[in-house]
């Protein structure tokens, strides 16, 4: 029996690395007849993470919505459905939490990597590295 992918999670922040991940996810979605779910996580340290994302600057939120809508248009050009969610918190943790939530039915994650290297990553950490090691679904890391 084939493993059917129906929903692919794409962490997207508008960067070139995330864009490469988006295009790879579009390719995969076309092959599997899947839909894409974009997620943007606004980093909010500690206690601020419990507040709703709505308290963030309106100009910033418009910018985020604009590039998420732009991603939706890019997916539409290839005939792929794209929905998105904007949340606040620790990016790696929130991506994993969204993927593990049974209601979301995420089958895979496609994430762009910054490619900093092992030494810098050990000091600064890496969202893609965290997702790669903590995910319970297949992860495609795009460099």
Foldseek 3Di string as FASTA:
>chain_A
DDDAFAEEEQEDDPDPLSVQLLVVVLVVCVVRVHAYEYEYEAEDDDPRQVDWPVVPDPVVVVVRVVVQVVSQVVSVVSPHHYHYDYGYHDLLVVSQVCQPPVVNVGAEYGYGFPPPDDVVCVVVPGSLVSNCPRHPHYYHYHD
